[in-house]
Amino acid sequence: TAPSFVTVYPSGAARPTASNLNLAPSQTLPNMVIVPV
């Protein structure tokens, strides 16, 4: 419903400043993410 972003990262680690998805309102956006566990 608003501009947004999604970040996926290892649990317990500091959240990175880079995002995996950058979104605009009403958009549907997929992305493949490779993330350490």
PDB file of all heavy atoms in Angstrom:
ATOM      1  N   THR A   1       0.818  -1.221   0.000  1.00  0.00           N
ATOM      2  CA  THR A   1       0.000   0.000   0.000  1.00  0.00           C
ATOM      3  C   THR A   1       0.848   1.265   0.000  1.00  0.00           C
ATOM      4  O   THR A   1       0.319   2.350  -0.181  1.00  0.00           O
ATOM      5  CB  THR A   1      -0.933   0.012   1.224  1.00  0.00           C
ATOM      6  OG1 THR A   1      -0.126  -0.086   2.403  1.00  0.00           O
ATOM      7  CG2 THR A   1      -1.913  -1.148   1.163  1.00  0.00           C
ATOM      8  N   ALA A   2       2.171   1.116   0.203  1.00  0.00           N
ATOM      9  CA  ALA A   2       3.081   2.263   0.226  1.00  0.00           C
ATOM     10  C   ALA A   2       4.443   1.799  -0.272  1.00  0.00           C
ATOM     11  O   ALA A   2       4.712   0.595  -0.316  1.00  0.00           O
ATOM     12  CB  ALA A   2       3.199   2.792   1.651  1.00  0.00           C
ATOM     13  N   PRO A   3       5.324   2.738  -0.639  1.00  0.00           N
ATOM     14  CA  PRO A   3       6.682   2.334  -0.996  1.00  0.00           C
ATOM     15  C   PRO A   3       7.302   1.549   0.161  1.00  0.00           C
ATOM     16  O   PRO A   3       7.108   1.888   1.325  1.00  0.00           O
ATOM     17  CB  PRO A   3       7.409   3.657  -1.219  1.00  0.00           C
ATOM     18  CG  PRO A   3       6.337   4.632  -1.536  1.00  0.00           C
ATOM     19  CD  PRO A   3       5.141   4.185  -0.744  1.00  0.00           C
ATOM     20  N   SER A   4       8.029   0.505  -0.177  1.00  0.00           N
ATOM     21  CA  SER A   4       8.524  -0.394   0.858  1.00  0.00           C
ATOM     22  C   SER A   4       9.760  -1.119   0.363  1.00  0.00           C
ATOM     23  O   SER A   4      10.122  -1.032  -0.812  1.00  0.00           O
ATOM     24  CB  SER A   4       7.424  -1.403   1.208  1.00  0.00           C
ATOM     25  OG  SER A   4       7.836  -2.257   2.236  1.00  0.00           O
ATOM     26  N   PHE A   5      10.405  -1.851   1.272  1.00  0.00           N
ATOM     27  CA  PHE A   5      11.494  -2.747   0.884  1.00  0.00           C
ATOM     28  C   PHE A   5      11.506  -3.952   1.804  1.00  0.00           C
ATOM     29  O   PHE A   5      10.968  -3.917   2.908  1.00  0.00           O
ATOM     30  CB  PHE A   5      12.850  -2.038   0.871  1.00  0.00           C
ATOM     31  CG  PHE A   5      13.360  -1.617   2.218  1.00  0.00           C
ATOM     32  CD1 PHE A   5      14.132  -2.474   2.994  1.00  0.00           C
ATOM     33  CD2 PHE A   5      13.085  -0.350   2.703  1.00  0.00           C
ATOM     34  CE1 PHE A   5      14.614  -2.081   4.227  1.00  0.00           C
ATOM     35  CE2 PHE A   5      13.567   0.061   3.942  1.00  0.00           C
ATOM     36  CZ  PHE A   5      14.326  -0.812   4.702  1.00  0.00           C
ATOM     37  N   VAL A   6      12.118  -5.032   1.321  1.00  0.00           N
ATOM     38  CA  VAL A   6      12.237  -6.280   2.071  1.00  0.00           C
ATOM     39  C   VAL A   6      13.712  -6.684   2.100  1.00  0.00           C
ATOM     40  O   VAL A   6      14.390  -6.623   1.075  1.00  0.00           O
ATOM     41  CB  VAL A   6      11.406  -7.412   1.419  1.00  0.00           C
ATOM     42  CG1 VAL A   6      11.602  -8.735   2.147  1.00  0.00           C
ATOM     43  CG2 VAL A   6       9.932  -7.039   1.370  1.00  0.00           C
ATOM     44  N   THR A   7      14.183  -7.074   3.283  1.00  0.00           N
ATOM     45  CA  THR A   7      15.546  -7.565   3.449  1.00  0.00           C
ATOM     46  C   THR A   7      15.492  -8.917   4.146  1.00  0.00           C
ATOM     47  O   THR A   7      14.825  -9.063   5.168  1.00  0.00           O
ATOM     48  CB  THR A   7      16.382  -6.585   4.297  1.00  0.00           C
ATOM     49  OG1 THR A   7      16.366  -5.299   3.675  1.00  0.00           O
ATOM     50  CG2 THR A   7      17.818  -7.065   4.430  1.00  0.00           C
ATOM     51  N   VAL A   8      16.178  -9.913   3.595  1.00  0.00           N
ATOM     52  CA  VAL A   8      16.275 -11.245   4.195  1.00  0.00           C
ATOM     53  C   VAL A   8      17.728 -11.440   4.613  1.00  0.00           C
ATOM     54  O   VAL A   8      18.639 -11.181   3.823  1.00  0.00           O
ATOM     55  CB  VAL A   8      15.848 -12.343   3.199  1.00  0.00           C
ATOM     56  CG1 VAL A   8      15.848 -13.708   3.870  1.00  0.00           C
ATOM     57  CG2 VAL A   8      14.472 -12.034   2.610  1.00  0.00           C
ATOM     58  N   TYR A   9      17.944 -11.903   5.857  1.00  0.00           N
ATOM     59  CA  TYR A   9      19.298 -12.037   6.384  1.00  0.00           C
ATOM     60  C   TYR A   9      19.338 -13.108   7.468  1.00  0.00           C
ATOM     61  O   TYR A   9      18.294 -13.518   7.977  1.00  0.00           O
ATOM     62  CB  TYR A   9      19.792 -10.692   6.918  1.00  0.00           C
ATOM     63  CG  TYR A   9      18.931 -10.085   7.996  1.00  0.00           C
ATOM     64  CD1 TYR A   9      19.302 -10.166   9.337  1.00  0.00           C
ATOM     65  CD2 TYR A   9      17.736  -9.440   7.692  1.00  0.00           C
ATOM     66  CE1 TYR A   9      18.512  -9.628  10.336  1.00  0.00           C
ATOM     67  CE2 TYR A   9      16.941  -8.901   8.681  1.00  0.00           C
ATOM     68  CZ  TYR A   9      17.342  -8.987   9.998  1.00  0.00           C
ATOM     69  OH  TYR A   9      16.556  -8.452  10.985  1.00  0.00           O
ATOM     70  N   PRO A  10      20.531 -13.585   7.843  1.00  0.00           N
ATOM     71  CA  PRO A  10      20.623 -14.645   8.848  1.00  0.00           C
ATOM     72  C   PRO A  10      20.069 -14.181  10.194  1.00  0.00           C
ATOM     73  O   PRO A  10      20.358 -13.063  10.636  1.00  0.00           O
ATOM     74  CB  PRO A  10      22.124 -14.925   8.969  1.00  0.00           C
ATOM     75  CG  PRO A  10      22.748 -14.320   7.766  1.00  0.00           C
ATOM     76  CD  PRO A  10      21.853 -13.209   7.326  1.00  0.00           C
ATOM     77  N   SER A  11      19.280 -14.993  10.822  1.00  0.00           N
ATOM     78  CA  SER A  11      18.705 -14.668  12.126  1.00  0.00           C
ATOM     79  C   SER A  11      19.822 -14.422  13.139  1.00  0.00           C
ATOM     80  O   SER A  11      20.802 -15.161  13.192  1.00  0.00           O
ATOM     81  CB  SER A  11      17.809 -15.818  12.588  1.00  0.00           C
ATOM     82  OG  SER A  11      17.180 -15.494  13.787  1.00  0.00           O
ATOM     83  N   GLY A  12      19.685 -13.352  13.925  1.00  0.00           N
ATOM     84  CA  GLY A  12      20.670 -13.030  14.946  1.00  0.00           C
ATOM     85  C   GLY A  12      21.793 -12.138  14.451  1.00  0.00           C
ATOM     86  O   GLY A  12      22.544 -11.592  15.249  1.00  0.00           O
ATOM     87  N   ALA A  13      21.927 -11.962  13.151  1.00  0.00           N
ATOM     88  CA  ALA A  13      22.951 -11.087  12.581  1.00  0.00           C
ATOM     89  C   ALA A  13      22.399  -9.666  12.485  1.00  0.00           C
ATOM     90  O   ALA A  13      21.182  -9.456  12.506  1.00  0.00           O
ATOM     91  CB  ALA A  13      23.363 -11.579  11.196  1.00  0.00           C
ATOM     92  N   ALA A  14      23.293  -8.700  12.366  1.00  0.00           N
ATOM     93  CA  ALA A  14      22.848  -7.326  12.135  1.00  0.00           C
ATOM     94  C   ALA A  14      22.169  -7.247  10.772  1.00  0.00           C
ATOM     95  O   ALA A  14      22.628  -7.865   9.803  1.00  0.00           O
ATOM     96  CB  ALA A  14      24.043  -6.390  12.181  1.00  0.00           C
ATOM     97  N   ARG A  15      21.067  -6.510  10.710  1.00  0.00           N
ATOM     98  CA  ARG A  15      20.360  -6.361   9.437  1.00  0.00           C
ATOM     99  C   ARG A  15      21.225  -5.552   8.473  1.00  0.00           C
ATOM    100  O   ARG A  15      21.696  -4.476   8.809  1.00  0.00           O
ATOM    101  CB  ARG A  15      19.020  -5.667   9.651  1.00  0.00           C
ATOM    102  CG  ARG A  15      18.241  -5.492   8.365  1.00  0.00           C
ATOM    103  CD  ARG A  15      16.826  -5.002   8.593  1.00  0.00           C
ATOM    104  NE  ARG A  15      16.655  -3.998   9.602  1.00  0.00           N
ATOM    105  CZ  ARG A  15      16.642  -2.678   9.377  1.00  0.00           C
ATOM    106  NH1 ARG A  15      16.816  -2.222   8.150  1.00  0.00           N
ATOM    107  NH2 ARG A  15      16.456  -1.847  10.367  1.00  0.00           N
ATOM    108  N   PRO A  16      21.442  -6.067   7.262  1.00  0.00           N
ATOM    109  CA  PRO A  16      22.254  -5.329   6.284  1.00  0.00           C
ATOM    110  C   PRO A  16      21.536  -4.077   5.795  1.00  0.00           C
ATOM    111  O   PRO A  16      20.309  -3.964   5.907  1.00  0.00           O
ATOM    112  CB  PRO A  16      22.457  -6.321   5.147  1.00  0.00           C
ATOM    113  CG  PRO A  16      21.516  -7.434   5.382  1.00  0.00           C
ATOM    114  CD  PRO A  16      21.015  -7.358   6.779  1.00  0.00           C
ATOM    115  N   THR A  17      22.294  -3.158   5.244  1.00  0.00           N
ATOM    116  CA  THR A  17      21.693  -1.925   4.722  1.00  0.00           C
ATOM    117  C   THR A  17      21.146  -2.115   3.310  1.00  0.00           C
ATOM    118  O   THR A  17      20.423  -1.263   2.817  1.00  0.00           O
ATOM    119  CB  THR A  17      22.718  -0.778   4.719  1.00  0.00           C
ATOM    120  OG1 THR A  17      23.855  -1.177   3.963  1.00  0.00           O
ATOM    121  CG2 THR A  17      23.139  -0.434   6.138  1.00  0.00           C
ATOM    122  N   ALA A  18      21.486  -3.212   2.650  1.00  0.00           N
ATOM    123  CA  ALA A  18      20.979  -3.493   1.304  1.00  0.00           C
ATOM    124  C   ALA A  18      19.669  -4.267   1.396  1.00  0.00           C
ATOM    125  O   ALA A  18      19.465  -5.065   2.301  1.00  0.00           O
ATOM    126  CB  ALA A  18      21.996  -4.304   0.518  1.00  0.00           C
ATOM    127  N   SER A  19      18.783  -4.025   0.446  1.00  0.00           N
ATOM    128  CA  SER A  19      17.498  -4.728   0.418  1.00  0.00           C
ATOM    129  C   SER A  19      17.503  -5.780  -0.683  1.00  0.00           C
ATOM    130  O   SER A  19      18.310  -5.734  -1.606  1.00  0.00           O
ATOM    131  CB  SER A  19      16.356  -3.736   0.188  1.00  0.00           C
ATOM    132  OG  SER A  19      16.513  -3.107  -1.065  1.00  0.00           O
ATOM    133  N   ASN A  20      16.559  -6.726  -0.580  1.00  0.00           N
ATOM    134  CA  ASN A  20      16.384  -7.747  -1.610  1.00  0.00           C
ATOM    135  C   ASN A  20      15.265  -7.395  -2.578  1.00  0.00           C
ATOM    136  O   ASN A  20      15.273  -7.835  -3.725  1.00  0.00           O
ATOM    137  CB  ASN A  20      16.079  -9.104  -0.974  1.00  0.00           C
ATOM    138  CG  ASN A  20      17.197  -9.562  -0.078  1.00  0.00           C
ATOM    139  OD1 ASN A  20      17.057  -9.543   1.143  1.00  0.00           O
ATOM    140  ND2 ASN A  20      18.326  -9.940  -0.642  1.00  0.00           N
ATOM    141  N   LEU A  21      14.289  -6.625  -2.102  1.00  0.00           N
ATOM    142  CA  LEU A  21      13.178  -6.161  -2.940  1.00  0.00           C
ATOM    143  C   LEU A  21      12.916  -4.699  -2.629  1.00  0.00           C
ATOM    144  O   LEU A  21      12.907  -4.304  -1.453  1.00  0.00           O
ATOM    145  CB  LEU A  21      11.883  -6.921  -2.627  1.00  0.00           C
ATOM    146  CG  LEU A  21      11.765  -8.384  -2.992  1.00  0.00           C
ATOM    147  CD1 LEU A  21      10.485  -8.954  -2.403  1.00  0.00           C
ATOM    148  CD2 LEU A  21      11.750  -8.558  -4.485  1.00  0.00           C
ATOM    149  N   ASN A  22      12.684  -3.885  -3.649  1.00  0.00           N
ATOM    150  CA  ASN A  22      12.261  -2.499  -3.488  1.00  0.00           C
ATOM    151  C   ASN A  22      10.923  -2.359  -4.196  1.00  0.00           C
ATOM    152  O   ASN A  22      10.822  -2.675  -5.380  1.00  0.00           O
ATOM    153  CB  ASN A  22      13.292  -1.545  -4.087  1.00  0.00           C
ATOM    154  CG  ASN A  22      14.594  -1.620  -3.341  1.00  0.00           C
ATOM    155  OD1 ASN A  22      14.650  -1.334  -2.161  1.00  0.00           O
ATOM    156  ND2 ASN A  22      15.647  -2.035  -4.022  1.00  0.00           N
ATOM    157  N   LEU A  23       9.922  -1.895  -3.464  1.00  0.00           N
ATOM    158  CA  LEU A  23       8.553  -1.964  -3.965  1.00  0.00           C
ATOM    159  C   LEU A  23       7.882  -0.609  -4.078  1.00  0.00           C
ATOM    160  O   LEU A  23       8.102   0.271  -3.249  1.00  0.00           O
ATOM    161  CB  LEU A  23       7.719  -2.823  -3.002  1.00  0.00           C
ATOM    162  CG  LEU A  23       8.319  -4.191  -2.714  1.00  0.00           C
ATOM    163  CD1 LEU A  23       7.834  -4.713  -1.400  1.00  0.00           C
ATOM    164  CD2 LEU A  23       7.976  -5.108  -3.849  1.00  0.00           C
ATOM    165  N   ALA A  24       7.042  -0.498  -5.076  1.00  0.00           N
ATOM    166  CA  ALA A  24       6.157   0.646  -5.232  1.00  0.00           C
ATOM    167  C   ALA A  24       4.738   0.199  -4.889  1.00  0.00           C
ATOM    168  O   ALA A  24       4.435  -0.997  -4.941  1.00  0.00           O
ATOM    169  CB  ALA A  24       6.219   1.155  -6.672  1.00  0.00           C
ATOM    170  N   PRO A  25       3.854   1.137  -4.537  1.00  0.00           N
ATOM    171  CA  PRO A  25       2.467   0.754  -4.232  1.00  0.00           C
ATOM    172  C   PRO A  25       1.823  -0.024  -5.379  1.00  0.00           C
ATOM    173  O   PRO A  25       2.087   0.231  -6.554  1.00  0.00           O
ATOM    174  CB  PRO A  25       1.771   2.096  -4.025  1.00  0.00           C
ATOM    175  CG  PRO A  25       2.860   3.016  -3.582  1.00  0.00           C
ATOM    176  CD  PRO A  25       4.073   2.567  -4.346  1.00  0.00           C
ATOM    177  N   SER A  26       1.011  -0.993  -5.009  1.00  0.00           N
ATOM    178  CA  SER A  26       0.218  -1.825  -5.938  1.00  0.00           C
ATOM    179  C   SER A  26       1.065  -2.722  -6.836  1.00  0.00           C
ATOM    180  O   SER A  26       0.560  -3.271  -7.802  1.00  0.00           O
ATOM    181  CB  SER A  26      -0.700  -0.958  -6.794  1.00  0.00           C
ATOM    182  OG  SER A  26      -1.556  -0.197  -5.978  1.00  0.00           O
ATOM    183  N   GLN A  27       2.315  -2.900  -6.526  1.00  0.00           N
ATOM    184  CA  GLN A  27       3.209  -3.711  -7.346  1.00  0.00           C
ATOM    185  C   GLN A  27       3.280  -5.132  -6.793  1.00  0.00           C
ATOM    186  O   GLN A  27       3.204  -5.350  -5.586  1.00  0.00           O
ATOM    187  CB  GLN A  27       4.600  -3.080  -7.317  1.00  0.00           C
ATOM    188  CG  GLN A  27       5.622  -3.699  -8.211  1.00  0.00           C
ATOM    189  CD  GLN A  27       6.953  -2.943  -8.140  1.00  0.00           C
ATOM    190  OE1 GLN A  27       7.312  -2.404  -7.116  1.00  0.00           O
ATOM    191  NE2 GLN A  27       7.666  -2.940  -9.243  1.00  0.00           N
ATOM    192  N   THR A  28       3.413  -6.108  -7.670  1.00  0.00           N
ATOM    193  CA  THR A  28       3.733  -7.479  -7.271  1.00  0.00           C
ATOM    194  C   THR A  28       5.109  -7.779  -7.840  1.00  0.00           C
ATOM    195  O   THR A  28       5.337  -7.640  -9.039  1.00  0.00           O
ATOM    196  CB  THR A  28       2.694  -8.475  -7.816  1.00  0.00           C
ATOM    197  OG1 THR A  28       1.435  -8.174  -7.222  1.00  0.00           O
ATOM    198  CG2 THR A  28       3.086  -9.904  -7.489  1.00  0.00           C
ATOM    199  N   LEU A  29       6.037  -8.155  -6.933  1.00  0.00           N
ATOM    200  CA  LEU A  29       7.423  -8.310  -7.361  1.00  0.00           C
ATOM    201  C   LEU A  29       8.057  -9.520  -6.690  1.00  0.00           C
ATOM    202  O   LEU A  29       8.132  -9.587  -5.471  1.00  0.00           O
ATOM    203  CB  LEU A  29       8.210  -7.044  -6.990  1.00  0.00           C
ATOM    204  CG  LEU A  29       9.638  -6.959  -7.485  1.00  0.00           C
ATOM    205  CD1 LEU A  29       9.683  -6.880  -9.011  1.00  0.00           C
ATOM    206  CD2 LEU A  29      10.312  -5.739  -6.883  1.00  0.00           C
ATOM    207  N   PRO A  30       8.520 -10.509  -7.485  1.00  0.00           N
ATOM    208  CA  PRO A  30       9.265 -11.643  -6.931  1.00  0.00           C
ATOM    209  C   PRO A  30      10.763 -11.412  -7.097  1.00  0.00           C
ATOM    210  O   PRO A  30      11.203 -10.655  -7.966  1.00  0.00           O
ATOM    211  CB  PRO A  30       8.805 -12.811  -7.798  1.00  0.00           C
ATOM    212  CG  PRO A  30       8.572 -12.175  -9.138  1.00  0.00           C
ATOM    213  CD  PRO A  30       8.088 -10.770  -8.858  1.00  0.00           C
ATOM    214  N   ASN A  31      11.539 -12.076  -6.269  1.00  0.00           N
ATOM    215  CA  ASN A  31      12.992 -12.051  -6.411  1.00  0.00           C
ATOM    216  C   ASN A  31      13.576 -13.294  -5.764  1.00  0.00           C
ATOM    217  O   ASN A  31      13.152 -13.689  -4.682  1.00  0.00           O
ATOM    218  CB  ASN A  31      13.578 -10.801  -5.753  1.00  0.00           C
ATOM    219  CG  ASN A  31      15.024 -10.568  -6.144  1.00  0.00           C
ATOM    220  OD1 ASN A  31      15.458 -10.960  -7.219  1.00  0.00           O
ATOM    221  ND2 ASN A  31      15.769  -9.924  -5.269  1.00  0.00           N
ATOM    222  N   MET A  32      14.572 -13.894  -6.424  1.00  0.00           N
ATOM    223  CA  MET A  32      15.285 -15.009  -5.817  1.00  0.00           C
ATOM    224  C   MET A  32      16.381 -14.435  -4.930  1.00  0.00           C
ATOM    225  O   MET A  32      17.120 -13.545  -5.344  1.00  0.00           O
ATOM    226  CB  MET A  32      15.913 -15.913  -6.866  1.00  0.00           C
ATOM    227  CG  MET A  32      16.539 -17.139  -6.244  1.00  0.00           C
ATOM    228  SD  MET A  32      17.179 -18.256  -7.483  1.00  0.00           S
ATOM    229  CE  MET A  32      18.883 -18.253  -7.013  1.00  0.00           C
ATOM    230  N   VAL A  33      16.437 -14.942  -3.707  1.00  0.00           N
ATOM    231  CA  VAL A  33      17.377 -14.451  -2.707  1.00  0.00           C
ATOM    232  C   VAL A  33      18.238 -15.625  -2.254  1.00  0.00           C
ATOM    233  O   VAL A  33      17.712 -16.683  -1.916  1.00  0.00           O
ATOM    234  CB  VAL A  33      16.607 -13.872  -1.495  1.00  0.00           C
ATOM    235  CG1 VAL A  33      17.547 -13.460  -0.398  1.00  0.00           C
ATOM    236  CG2 VAL A  33      15.723 -12.711  -1.934  1.00  0.00           C
ATOM    237  N   ILE A  34      19.540 -15.435  -2.251  1.00  0.00           N
ATOM    238  CA  ILE A  34      20.440 -16.422  -1.660  1.00  0.00           C
ATOM    239  C   ILE A  34      20.960 -15.809  -0.373  1.00  0.00           C
ATOM    240  O   ILE A  34      21.572 -14.734  -0.393  1.00  0.00           O
ATOM    241  CB  ILE A  34      21.582 -16.794  -2.612  1.00  0.00           C
ATOM    242  CG1 ILE A  34      21.003 -17.410  -3.883  1.00  0.00           C
ATOM    243  CG2 ILE A  34      22.557 -17.749  -1.921  1.00  0.00           C
ATOM    244  CD1 ILE A  34      22.005 -17.722  -4.956  1.00  0.00           C
ATOM    245  N   VAL A  35      20.660 -16.461   0.749  1.00  0.00           N
ATOM    246  CA  VAL A  35      20.965 -15.891   2.055  1.00  0.00           C
ATOM    247  C   VAL A  35      21.613 -16.938   2.953  1.00  0.00           C
ATOM    248  O   VAL A  35      21.182 -18.091   2.974  1.00  0.00           O
ATOM    249  CB  VAL A  35      19.686 -15.309   2.697  1.00  0.00           C
ATOM    250  CG1 VAL A  35      18.629 -16.351   2.888  1.00  0.00           C
ATOM    251  CG2 VAL A  35      19.978 -14.601   3.992  1.00  0.00           C
ATOM    252  N   PRO A  36      22.671 -16.547   3.691  1.00  0.00           N
ATOM    253  CA  PRO A  36      23.234 -17.470   4.681  1.00  0.00           C
ATOM    254  C   PRO A  36      22.204 -17.753   5.771  1.00  0.00           C
ATOM    255  O   PRO A  36      21.337 -16.917   6.053  1.00  0.00           O
ATOM    256  CB  PRO A  36      24.429 -16.702   5.260  1.00  0.00           C
ATOM    257  CG  PRO A  36      24.714 -15.622   4.279  1.00  0.00           C
ATOM    258  CD  PRO A  36      23.413 -15.291   3.630  1.00  0.00           C
ATOM    259  N   VAL A  37      22.306 -18.906   6.388  1.00  0.00           N
ATOM    260  CA  VAL A  37      21.422 -19.231   7.509  1.00  0.00           C
ATOM    261  C   VAL A  37      22.215 -19.117   8.805  1.00  0.00           C
ATOM    262  O   VAL A  37      23.441 -19.258   8.824  1.00  0.00           O
ATOM    263  CB  VAL A  37      20.804 -20.647   7.381  1.00  0.00           C
ATOM    264  CG1 VAL A  37      19.923 -20.741   6.157  1.00  0.00           C
ATOM    265  CG2 VAL A  37      21.864 -21.714   7.344  1.00  0.00           C
TER     266      VAL A  37
END
